Amino acid sequence: MKTKYFRVKGWMLISHDRYPRWQKFVKDVRALKVEDAIEKVYSELGSRHKLKRAHIKIEKVTEINPEEVKDPRLIQFEKISKIVVI
Protein backbone atom coordinates (compact mmCIF):
# COMPACT_ATOMS: atom_id res chain seq x y z
CA MET A 1 0.00 0.00 0.00
CA LYS A 2 1.15 3.49 -0.76
CA THR A 3 1.08 6.02 2.05
CA LYS A 4 -1.13 9.08 1.69
CA TYR A 5 -1.20 12.52 3.26
CA PHE A 6 -4.18 13.75 5.25
CA ARG A 7 -5.12 17.14 6.66
CA VAL A 8 -6.97 16.84 9.96
CA LYS A 9 -8.91 19.83 11.31
CA GLY A 10 -10.58 20.14 14.66
CA TRP A 11 -10.63 21.57 18.19
CA MET A 12 -8.72 20.72 21.36
CA LEU A 13 -9.51 21.71 24.93
CA ILE A 14 -6.53 23.59 26.39
CA SER A 15 -6.21 24.24 30.14
CA HIS A 16 -9.12 21.95 30.83
CA ASP A 17 -8.73 22.24 34.62
CA ARG A 18 -8.69 25.98 35.46
CA TYR A 19 -9.72 28.19 32.56
CA PRO A 20 -10.83 25.88 29.78
CA ARG A 21 -10.83 27.12 26.20
CA TRP A 22 -11.20 25.38 22.89
CA GLN A 23 -8.37 25.99 20.43
CA LYS A 24 -8.53 25.22 16.73
CA PHE A 25 -5.87 22.99 15.13
CA VAL A 26 -4.87 21.88 11.63
CA LYS A 27 -2.46 18.97 11.38
CA ASP A 28 -0.95 17.28 8.33
CA VAL A 29 -0.15 13.60 8.83
CA ARG A 30 1.11 10.70 6.76
CA ALA A 31 -0.90 7.47 7.01
CA LEU A 32 -2.28 4.53 5.04
CA LYS A 33 -5.96 5.24 5.70
CA VAL A 34 -8.24 7.78 7.39
CA GLU A 35 -8.54 5.78 10.62
CA ASP A 36 -4.74 5.67 10.97
CA ALA A 37 -4.52 9.44 10.43
CA ILE A 38 -7.08 10.07 13.17
CA GLU A 39 -5.25 7.74 15.55
CA LYS A 40 -1.96 9.55 14.85
CA VAL A 41 -3.52 12.96 15.62
CA TYR A 42 -4.98 11.65 18.89
CA SER A 43 -1.58 10.20 19.81
CA GLU A 44 0.46 13.31 18.94
CA LEU A 45 -1.86 15.88 20.54
CA GLY A 46 -2.36 13.69 23.58
CA SER A 47 1.34 13.25 24.19
CA ARG A 48 2.35 16.82 23.37
CA HIS A 49 -0.41 18.63 25.27
CA LYS A 50 -1.37 15.95 27.84
CA LEU A 51 -4.92 15.71 26.47
CA LYS A 52 -7.39 12.88 26.71
CA ARG A 53 -9.23 11.79 23.59
CA ALA A 54 -12.42 13.34 24.96
CA HIS A 55 -10.68 16.74 24.85
CA ILE A 56 -9.96 16.45 21.11
CA LYS A 57 -12.81 16.99 18.63
CA ILE A 58 -12.03 16.18 15.00
CA GLU A 59 -14.21 18.01 12.49
CA LYS A 60 -12.79 17.07 9.12
CA VAL A 61 -10.24 14.71 7.56
CA THR A 62 -9.30 15.20 3.91
CA GLU A 63 -6.74 13.51 1.72
CA ILE A 64 -4.26 15.98 0.22
CA ASN A 65 -1.58 15.85 -2.46
CA PRO A 66 2.09 15.76 -1.35
CA GLU A 67 2.50 19.25 -2.87
CA GLU A 68 -0.10 20.67 -0.45
CA VAL A 69 1.70 19.51 2.71
CA LYS A 70 2.78 22.40 4.96
CA ASP A 71 4.71 20.50 7.65
CA PRO A 72 8.48 20.84 6.91
CA ARG A 73 9.23 17.41 8.42
CA LEU A 74 6.80 15.69 6.09
CA ILE A 75 8.19 17.60 3.10
CA GLN A 76 11.72 16.40 3.95
CA PHE A 77 10.43 12.86 4.45
CA GLU A 78 8.87 12.91 0.97
CA LYS A 79 12.28 13.74 -0.55
CA ILE A 80 13.96 10.63 0.89
CA SER A 81 14.56 8.13 -1.89
CA LYS A 82 15.45 5.10 0.26
CA ILE A 83 15.96 4.05 3.86
CA VAL A 84 18.90 1.84 4.79
CA VAL A 85 18.64 -0.28 7.94
CA ILE A 86 21.85 -1.78 9.26
PDB file of N, CA and C in Angstrom:
ATOM      1  N   MET A   1       0.837  -1.192   0.000  1.00  0.00           N
ATOM      2  CA  MET A   1       0.000   0.000   0.000  1.00  0.00           C
ATOM      3  C   MET A   1       0.876   1.247   0.000  1.00  0.00           C
ATOM      4  N   LYS A   2       0.427   2.227  -0.711  1.00  0.00           N
ATOM      5  CA  LYS A   2       1.147   3.493  -0.757  1.00  0.00           C
ATOM      6  C   LYS A   2       0.612   4.419   0.327  1.00  0.00           C
ATOM      7  N   THR A   3       1.518   5.098   1.004  1.00  0.00           N
ATOM      8  CA  THR A   3       1.077   6.023   2.045  1.00  0.00           C
ATOM      9  C   THR A   3       0.474   7.274   1.413  1.00  0.00           C
ATOM     10  N   LYS A   4      -0.431   7.881   2.151  1.00  0.00           N
ATOM     11  CA  LYS A   4      -1.130   9.079   1.693  1.00  0.00           C
ATOM     12  C   LYS A   4      -0.922  10.177   2.722  1.00  0.00           C
ATOM     13  N   TYR A   5      -1.277  11.382   2.348  1.00  0.00           N
ATOM     14  CA  TYR A   5      -1.205  12.519   3.258  1.00  0.00           C
ATOM     15  C   TYR A   5      -2.624  13.000   3.539  1.00  0.00           C
ATOM     16  N   PHE A   6      -2.861  13.300   4.810  1.00  0.00           N
ATOM     17  CA  PHE A   6      -4.178  13.750   5.247  1.00  0.00           C
ATOM     18  C   PHE A   6      -4.044  15.056   6.020  1.00  0.00           C
ATOM     19  N   ARG A   7      -5.038  15.923   5.862  1.00  0.00           N
ATOM     20  CA  ARG A   7      -5.121  17.145   6.656  1.00  0.00           C
ATOM     21  C   ARG A   7      -6.289  16.973   7.620  1.00  0.00           C
ATOM     22  N   VAL A   8      -5.977  17.048   8.913  1.00  0.00           N
ATOM     23  CA  VAL A   8      -6.972  16.840   9.959  1.00  0.00           C
ATOM     24  C   VAL A   8      -7.245  18.183  10.623  1.00  0.00           C
ATOM     25  N   LYS A   9      -8.517  18.575  10.680  1.00  0.00           N
ATOM     26  CA  LYS A   9      -8.915  19.833  11.310  1.00  0.00           C
ATOM     27  C   LYS A   9      -9.844  19.534  12.473  1.00  0.00           C
ATOM     28  N   GLY A  10      -9.713  20.345  13.523  1.00  0.00           N
ATOM     29  CA  GLY A  10     -10.582  20.139  14.662  1.00  0.00           C
ATOM     30  C   GLY A  10     -10.299  21.111  15.792  1.00  0.00           C
ATOM     31  N   TRP A  11     -10.762  20.744  16.990  1.00  0.00           N
ATOM     32  CA  TRP A  11     -10.631  21.571  18.186  1.00  0.00           C
ATOM     33  C   TRP A  11     -10.044  20.745  19.317  1.00  0.00           C
ATOM     34  N   MET A  12      -9.241  21.387  20.166  1.00  0.00           N
ATOM     35  CA  MET A  12      -8.720  20.716  21.360  1.00  0.00           C
ATOM     36  C   MET A  12      -8.933  21.615  22.569  1.00  0.00           C
ATOM     37  N   LEU A  13      -9.229  20.986  23.687  1.00  0.00           N
ATOM     38  CA  LEU A  13      -9.510  21.706  24.928  1.00  0.00           C
ATOM     39  C   LEU A  13      -8.201  21.937  25.668  1.00  0.00           C
ATOM     40  N   ILE A  14      -7.784  23.211  25.727  1.00  0.00           N
ATOM     41  CA  ILE A  14      -6.533  23.589  26.387  1.00  0.00           C
ATOM     42  C   ILE A  14      -6.869  24.098  27.788  1.00  0.00           C
ATOM     43  N   SER A  15      -6.012  23.824  28.748  1.00  0.00           N
ATOM     44  CA  SER A  15      -6.213  24.243  30.143  1.00  0.00           C
ATOM     45  C   SER A  15      -7.563  23.752  30.650  1.00  0.00           C
ATOM     46  N   HIS A  16      -7.811  22.488  30.502  1.00  0.00           N
ATOM     47  CA  HIS A  16      -9.120  21.949  30.834  1.00  0.00           C
ATOM     48  C   HIS A  16      -9.433  21.973  32.325  1.00  0.00           C
ATOM     49  N   ASP A  17      -8.453  22.268  33.181  1.00  0.00           N
ATOM     50  CA  ASP A  17      -8.732  22.242  34.617  1.00  0.00           C
ATOM     51  C   ASP A  17      -9.124  23.608  35.181  1.00  0.00           C
ATOM     52  N   ARG A  18      -8.392  24.666  34.866  1.00  0.00           N
ATOM     53  CA  ARG A  18      -8.689  25.981  35.459  1.00  0.00           C
ATOM     54  C   ARG A  18      -9.563  26.852  34.568  1.00  0.00           C
ATOM     55  N   TYR A  19      -9.004  27.304  33.474  1.00  0.00           N
ATOM     56  CA  TYR A  19      -9.721  28.192  32.556  1.00  0.00           C
ATOM     57  C   TYR A  19      -9.804  27.512  31.194  1.00  0.00           C
ATOM     58  N   PRO A  20     -10.765  26.641  31.024  1.00  0.00           N
ATOM     59  CA  PRO A  20     -10.827  25.880  29.776  1.00  0.00           C
ATOM     60  C   PRO A  20     -11.163  26.763  28.572  1.00  0.00           C
ATOM     61  N   ARG A  21     -10.519  26.435  27.466  1.00  0.00           N
ATOM     62  CA  ARG A  21     -10.833  27.117  26.203  1.00  0.00           C
ATOM     63  C   ARG A  21     -10.543  26.149  25.065  1.00  0.00           C
ATOM     64  N   TRP A  22     -11.374  26.218  24.062  1.00  0.00           N
ATOM     65  CA  TRP A  22     -11.199  25.377  22.891  1.00  0.00           C
ATOM     66  C   TRP A  22     -10.325  26.099  21.887  1.00  0.00           C
ATOM     67  N   GLN A  23      -9.296  25.411  21.407  1.00  0.00           N
ATOM     68  CA  GLN A  23      -8.370  25.992  20.433  1.00  0.00           C
ATOM     69  C   GLN A  23      -8.429  25.167  19.149  1.00  0.00           C
ATOM     70  N   LYS A  24      -8.453  25.861  18.028  1.00  0.00           N
ATOM     71  CA  LYS A  24      -8.532  25.219  16.727  1.00  0.00           C
ATOM     72  C   LYS A  24      -7.162  24.657  16.345  1.00  0.00           C
ATOM     73  N   PHE A  25      -7.131  23.523  15.628  1.00  0.00           N
ATOM     74  CA  PHE A  25      -5.870  22.994  15.127  1.00  0.00           C
ATOM     75  C   PHE A  25      -6.053  22.464  13.710  1.00  0.00           C
ATOM     76  N   VAL A  26      -4.955  22.489  12.958  1.00  0.00           N
ATOM     77  CA  VAL A  26      -4.873  21.884  11.633  1.00  0.00           C
ATOM     78  C   VAL A  26      -3.562  21.113  11.604  1.00  0.00           C
ATOM     79  N   LYS A  27      -3.644  19.835  11.310  1.00  0.00           N
ATOM     80  CA  LYS A  27      -2.463  18.974  11.380  1.00  0.00           C
ATOM     81  C   LYS A  27      -2.377  18.141  10.110  1.00  0.00           C
ATOM     82  N   ASP A  28      -1.205  18.142   9.475  1.00  0.00           N
ATOM     83  CA  ASP A  28      -0.951  17.282   8.326  1.00  0.00           C
ATOM     84  C   ASP A  28      -0.245  16.031   8.825  1.00  0.00           C
ATOM     85  N   VAL A  29      -0.739  14.874   8.413  1.00  0.00           N
ATOM     86  CA  VAL A  29      -0.145  13.604   8.833  1.00  0.00           C
ATOM     87  C   VAL A  29      -0.013  12.679   7.635  1.00  0.00           C
ATOM     88  N   ARG A  30       0.863  11.709   7.781  1.00  0.00           N
ATOM     89  CA  ARG A  30       1.115  10.702   6.763  1.00  0.00           C
ATOM     90  C   ARG A  30       0.589   9.380   7.308  1.00  0.00           C
ATOM     91  N   ALA A  31      -0.293   8.711   6.535  1.00  0.00           N
ATOM     92  CA  ALA A  31      -0.895   7.470   7.005  1.00  0.00           C
ATOM     93  C   ALA A  31      -1.388   6.648   5.815  1.00  0.00           C
ATOM     94  N   LEU A  32      -1.758   5.410   6.087  1.00  0.00           N
ATOM     95  CA  LEU A  32      -2.275   4.533   5.040  1.00  0.00           C
ATOM     96  C   LEU A  32      -3.756   4.758   4.784  1.00  0.00           C
ATOM     97  N   LYS A  33      -4.528   5.036   5.853  1.00  0.00           N
ATOM     98  CA  LYS A  33      -5.962   5.242   5.704  1.00  0.00           C
ATOM     99  C   LYS A  33      -6.441   6.283   6.713  1.00  0.00           C
ATOM    100  N   VAL A  34      -7.680   6.708   6.570  1.00  0.00           N
ATOM    101  CA  VAL A  34      -8.244   7.780   7.393  1.00  0.00           C
ATOM    102  C   VAL A  34      -8.196   7.431   8.877  1.00  0.00           C
ATOM    103  N   GLU A  35      -8.525   6.197   9.215  1.00  0.00           N
ATOM    104  CA  GLU A  35      -8.540   5.781  10.624  1.00  0.00           C
ATOM    105  C   GLU A  35      -7.147   5.886  11.249  1.00  0.00           C
ATOM    106  N   ASP A  36      -6.119   5.561  10.474  1.00  0.00           N
ATOM    107  CA  ASP A  36      -4.743   5.669  10.971  1.00  0.00           C
ATOM    108  C   ASP A  36      -4.336   7.130  11.177  1.00  0.00           C
ATOM    109  N   ALA A  37      -4.809   8.007  10.293  1.00  0.00           N
ATOM    110  CA  ALA A  37      -4.518   9.439  10.431  1.00  0.00           C
ATOM    111  C   ALA A  37      -5.154  10.006  11.692  1.00  0.00           C
ATOM    112  N   ILE A  38      -6.393   9.615  11.961  1.00  0.00           N
ATOM    113  CA  ILE A  38      -7.083  10.073  13.170  1.00  0.00           C
ATOM    114  C   ILE A  38      -6.365   9.574  14.412  1.00  0.00           C
ATOM    115  N   GLU A  39      -5.969   8.318  14.411  1.00  0.00           N
ATOM    116  CA  GLU A  39      -5.249   7.739  15.545  1.00  0.00           C
ATOM    117  C   GLU A  39      -3.924   8.473  15.789  1.00  0.00           C
ATOM    118  N   LYS A  40      -3.229   8.835  14.717  1.00  0.00           N
ATOM    119  CA  LYS A  40      -1.963   9.553  14.848  1.00  0.00           C
ATOM    120  C   LYS A  40      -2.170  10.939  15.463  1.00  0.00           C
ATOM    121  N   VAL A  41      -3.222  11.627  15.054  1.00  0.00           N
ATOM    122  CA  VAL A  41      -3.522  12.955  15.616  1.00  0.00           C
ATOM    123  C   VAL A  41      -3.846  12.842  17.101  1.00  0.00           C
ATOM    124  N   TYR A  42      -4.678  11.864  17.471  1.00  0.00           N
ATOM    125  CA  TYR A  42      -4.975  11.647  18.889  1.00  0.00           C
ATOM    126  C   TYR A  42      -3.689  11.386  19.674  1.00  0.00           C
ATOM    127  N   SER A  43      -2.828  10.562  19.136  1.00  0.00           N
ATOM    128  CA  SER A  43      -1.585  10.203  19.810  1.00  0.00           C
ATOM    129  C   SER A  43      -0.652  11.404  19.972  1.00  0.00           C
ATOM    130  N   GLU A  44      -0.458  12.163  18.888  1.00  0.00           N
ATOM    131  CA  GLU A  44       0.460  13.308  18.935  1.00  0.00           C
ATOM    132  C   GLU A  44      -0.050  14.428  19.839  1.00  0.00           C
ATOM    133  N   LEU A  45      -1.310  14.804  19.701  1.00  0.00           N
ATOM    134  CA  LEU A  45      -1.855  15.880  20.538  1.00  0.00           C
ATOM    135  C   LEU A  45      -1.945  15.442  21.996  1.00  0.00           C
ATOM    136  N   GLY A  46      -2.283  14.195  22.224  1.00  0.00           N
ATOM    137  CA  GLY A  46      -2.363  13.687  23.583  1.00  0.00           C
ATOM    138  C   GLY A  46      -1.018  13.684  24.279  1.00  0.00           C
ATOM    139  N   SER A  47       0.027  13.292  23.560  1.00  0.00           N
ATOM    140  CA  SER A  47       1.345  13.250  24.189  1.00  0.00           C
ATOM    141  C   SER A  47       1.964  14.642  24.316  1.00  0.00           C
ATOM    142  N   ARG A  48       1.736  15.492  23.342  1.00  0.00           N
ATOM    143  CA  ARG A  48       2.350  16.823  23.367  1.00  0.00           C
ATOM    144  C   ARG A  48       1.666  17.763  24.354  1.00  0.00           C
ATOM    145  N   HIS A  49       0.346  17.690  24.441  1.00  0.00           N
ATOM    146  CA  HIS A  49      -0.409  18.630  25.274  1.00  0.00           C
ATOM    147  C   HIS A  49      -1.077  17.972  26.477  1.00  0.00           C
ATOM    148  N   LYS A  50      -0.806  16.701  26.704  1.00  0.00           N
ATOM    149  CA  LYS A  50      -1.370  15.950  27.837  1.00  0.00           C
ATOM    150  C   LYS A  50      -2.898  15.984  27.813  1.00  0.00           C
ATOM    151  N   LEU A  51      -3.467  15.699  26.645  1.00  0.00           N
ATOM    152  CA  LEU A  51      -4.915  15.715  26.472  1.00  0.00           C
ATOM    153  C   LEU A  51      -5.463  14.300  26.400  1.00  0.00           C
ATOM    154  N   LYS A  52      -6.672  14.130  26.886  1.00  0.00           N
ATOM    155  CA  LYS A  52      -7.387  12.877  26.707  1.00  0.00           C
ATOM    156  C   LYS A  52      -8.140  12.954  25.380  1.00  0.00           C
ATOM    157  N   ARG A  53      -8.513  11.817  24.871  1.00  0.00           N
ATOM    158  CA  ARG A  53      -9.234  11.790  23.591  1.00  0.00           C
ATOM    159  C   ARG A  53     -10.550  12.554  23.653  1.00  0.00           C
ATOM    160  N   ALA A  54     -11.164  12.602  24.808  1.00  0.00           N
ATOM    161  CA  ALA A  54     -12.424  13.336  24.957  1.00  0.00           C
ATOM    162  C   ALA A  54     -12.219  14.846  24.826  1.00  0.00           C
ATOM    163  N   HIS A  55     -10.983  15.312  24.967  1.00  0.00           N
ATOM    164  CA  HIS A  55     -10.678  16.739  24.852  1.00  0.00           C
ATOM    165  C   HIS A  55     -10.240  17.127  23.445  1.00  0.00           C
ATOM    166  N   ILE A  56     -10.319  16.189  22.504  1.00  0.00           N
ATOM    167  CA  ILE A  56      -9.962  16.453  21.112  1.00  0.00           C
ATOM    168  C   ILE A  56     -11.184  16.151  20.258  1.00  0.00           C
ATOM    169  N   LYS A  57     -11.648  17.147  19.515  1.00  0.00           N
ATOM    170  CA  LYS A  57     -12.809  16.989  18.632  1.00  0.00           C
ATOM    171  C   LYS A  57     -12.343  17.166  17.189  1.00  0.00           C
ATOM    172  N   ILE A  58     -12.449  16.120  16.397  1.00  0.00           N
ATOM    173  CA  ILE A  58     -12.025  16.176  15.001  1.00  0.00           C
ATOM    174  C   ILE A  58     -13.238  16.500  14.145  1.00  0.00           C
ATOM    175  N   GLU A  59     -13.108  17.564  13.342  1.00  0.00           N
ATOM    176  CA  GLU A  59     -14.209  18.010  12.487  1.00  0.00           C
ATOM    177  C   GLU A  59     -14.135  17.401  11.096  1.00  0.00           C
ATOM    178  N   LYS A  60     -12.906  17.403  10.530  1.00  0.00           N
ATOM    179  CA  LYS A  60     -12.794  17.069   9.120  1.00  0.00           C
ATOM    180  C   LYS A  60     -11.449  16.412   8.841  1.00  0.00           C
ATOM    181  N   VAL A  61     -11.459  15.376   8.013  1.00  0.00           N
ATOM    182  CA  VAL A  61     -10.238  14.710   7.558  1.00  0.00           C
ATOM    183  C   VAL A  61     -10.309  14.639   6.040  1.00  0.00           C
ATOM    184  N   THR A  62      -9.319  15.229   5.374  1.00  0.00           N
ATOM    185  CA  THR A  62      -9.296  15.204   3.914  1.00  0.00           C
ATOM    186  C   THR A  62      -7.954  14.705   3.426  1.00  0.00           C
ATOM    187  N   GLU A  63      -7.985  13.954   2.329  1.00  0.00           N
ATOM    188  CA  GLU A  63      -6.740  13.510   1.718  1.00  0.00           C
ATOM    189  C   GLU A  63      -6.189  14.650   0.868  1.00  0.00           C
ATOM    190  N   ILE A  64      -4.880  14.882   0.963  1.00  0.00           N
ATOM    191  CA  ILE A  64      -4.258  15.982   0.218  1.00  0.00           C
ATOM    192  C   ILE A  64      -3.108  15.430  -0.628  1.00  0.00           C
ATOM    193  N   ASN A  65      -2.722  16.197  -1.620  1.00  0.00           N
ATOM    194  CA  ASN A  65      -1.576  15.849  -2.456  1.00  0.00           C
ATOM    195  C   ASN A  65      -0.285  16.152  -1.708  1.00  0.00           C
ATOM    196  N   PRO A  66       0.806  15.464  -2.016  1.00  0.00           N
ATOM    197  CA  PRO A  66       2.087  15.762  -1.352  1.00  0.00           C
ATOM    198  C   PRO A  66       2.540  17.216  -1.537  1.00  0.00           C
ATOM    199  N   GLU A  67       2.112  17.850  -2.618  1.00  0.00           N
ATOM    200  CA  GLU A  67       2.498  19.249  -2.870  1.00  0.00           C
ATOM    201  C   GLU A  67       1.795  20.216  -1.926  1.00  0.00           C
ATOM    202  N   GLU A  68       0.679  19.806  -1.342  1.00  0.00           N
ATOM    203  CA  GLU A  68      -0.096  20.667  -0.453  1.00  0.00           C
ATOM    204  C   GLU A  68       0.350  20.602   1.009  1.00  0.00           C
ATOM    205  N   VAL A  69       1.261  19.701   1.327  1.00  0.00           N
ATOM    206  CA  VAL A  69       1.702  19.507   2.712  1.00  0.00           C
ATOM    207  C   VAL A  69       2.460  20.745   3.182  1.00  0.00           C
ATOM    208  N   LYS A  70       2.142  21.206   4.404  1.00  0.00           N
ATOM    209  CA  LYS A  70       2.779  22.404   4.958  1.00  0.00           C
ATOM    210  C   LYS A  70       3.815  22.090   6.032  1.00  0.00           C
ATOM    211  N   ASP A  71       3.782  20.884   6.587  1.00  0.00           N
ATOM    212  CA  ASP A  71       4.714  20.495   7.650  1.00  0.00           C
ATOM    213  C   ASP A  71       6.101  20.232   7.053  1.00  0.00           C
ATOM    214  N   PRO A  72       7.134  20.991   7.484  1.00  0.00           N
ATOM    215  CA  PRO A  72       8.477  20.837   6.908  1.00  0.00           C
ATOM    216  C   PRO A  72       9.063  19.438   7.097  1.00  0.00           C
ATOM    217  N   ARG A  73       8.720  18.775   8.196  1.00  0.00           N
ATOM    218  CA  ARG A  73       9.235  17.415   8.422  1.00  0.00           C
ATOM    219  C   ARG A  73       8.667  16.431   7.414  1.00  0.00           C
ATOM    220  N   LEU A  74       7.406  16.575   7.078  1.00  0.00           N
ATOM    221  CA  LEU A  74       6.797  15.687   6.092  1.00  0.00           C
ATOM    222  C   LEU A  74       7.318  15.968   4.689  1.00  0.00           C
ATOM    223  N   ILE A  75       7.620  17.238   4.404  1.00  0.00           N
ATOM    224  CA  ILE A  75       8.186  17.598   3.101  1.00  0.00           C
ATOM    225  C   ILE A  75       9.562  16.956   2.946  1.00  0.00           C
ATOM    226  N   GLN A  76      10.396  17.021   3.988  1.00  0.00           N
ATOM    227  CA  GLN A  76      11.716  16.395   3.950  1.00  0.00           C
ATOM    228  C   GLN A  76      11.589  14.886   3.819  1.00  0.00           C
ATOM    229  N   PHE A  77      10.634  14.296   4.508  1.00  0.00           N
ATOM    230  CA  PHE A  77      10.433  12.856   4.451  1.00  0.00           C
ATOM    231  C   PHE A  77      10.044  12.415   3.046  1.00  0.00           C
ATOM    232  N   GLU A  78       9.285  13.227   2.331  1.00  0.00           N
ATOM    233  CA  GLU A  78       8.867  12.914   0.966  1.00  0.00           C
ATOM    234  C   GLU A  78      10.067  12.885   0.014  1.00  0.00           C
ATOM    235  N   LYS A  79      11.109  13.653   0.312  1.00  0.00           N
ATOM    236  CA  LYS A  79      12.283  13.742  -0.554  1.00  0.00           C
ATOM    237  C   LYS A  79      13.241  12.556  -0.388  1.00  0.00           C
ATOM    238  N   ILE A  80      13.071  11.773   0.667  1.00  0.00           N
ATOM    239  CA  ILE A  80      13.962  10.632   0.892  1.00  0.00           C
ATOM    240  C   ILE A  80      13.686   9.571  -0.163  1.00  0.00           C
ATOM    241  N   SER A  81      14.743   9.115  -0.833  1.00  0.00           N
ATOM    242  CA  SER A  81      14.557   8.129  -1.890  1.00  0.00           C
ATOM    243  C   SER A  81      14.608   6.690  -1.365  1.00  0.00           C
ATOM    244  N   LYS A  82      15.421   6.443  -0.320  1.00  0.00           N
ATOM    245  CA  LYS A  82      15.453   5.099   0.257  1.00  0.00           C
ATOM    246  C   LYS A  82      15.928   5.168   1.694  1.00  0.00           C
ATOM    247  N   ILE A  83      15.564   4.152   2.458  1.00  0.00           N
ATOM    248  CA  ILE A  83      15.964   4.051   3.860  1.00  0.00           C
ATOM    249  C   ILE A  83      16.822   2.797   4.010  1.00  0.00           C
ATOM    250  N   VAL A  84      17.993   2.961   4.602  1.00  0.00           N
ATOM    251  CA  VAL A  84      18.897   1.835   4.788  1.00  0.00           C
ATOM    252  C   VAL A  84      18.909   1.475   6.266  1.00  0.00           C
ATOM    253  N   VAL A  85      18.631   0.218   6.558  1.00  0.00           N
ATOM    254  CA  VAL A  85      18.640  -0.280   7.937  1.00  0.00           C
ATOM    255  C   VAL A  85      19.821  -1.220   8.073  1.00  0.00           C
ATOM    256  N   ILE A  86      20.645  -0.942   9.054  1.00  0.00           N
ATOM    257  CA  ILE A  86      21.847  -1.779   9.259  1.00  0.00           C
ATOM    258  C   ILE A  86      21.617  -2.746  10.392  1.00  0.00           C
TER     259      ILE A  86
END
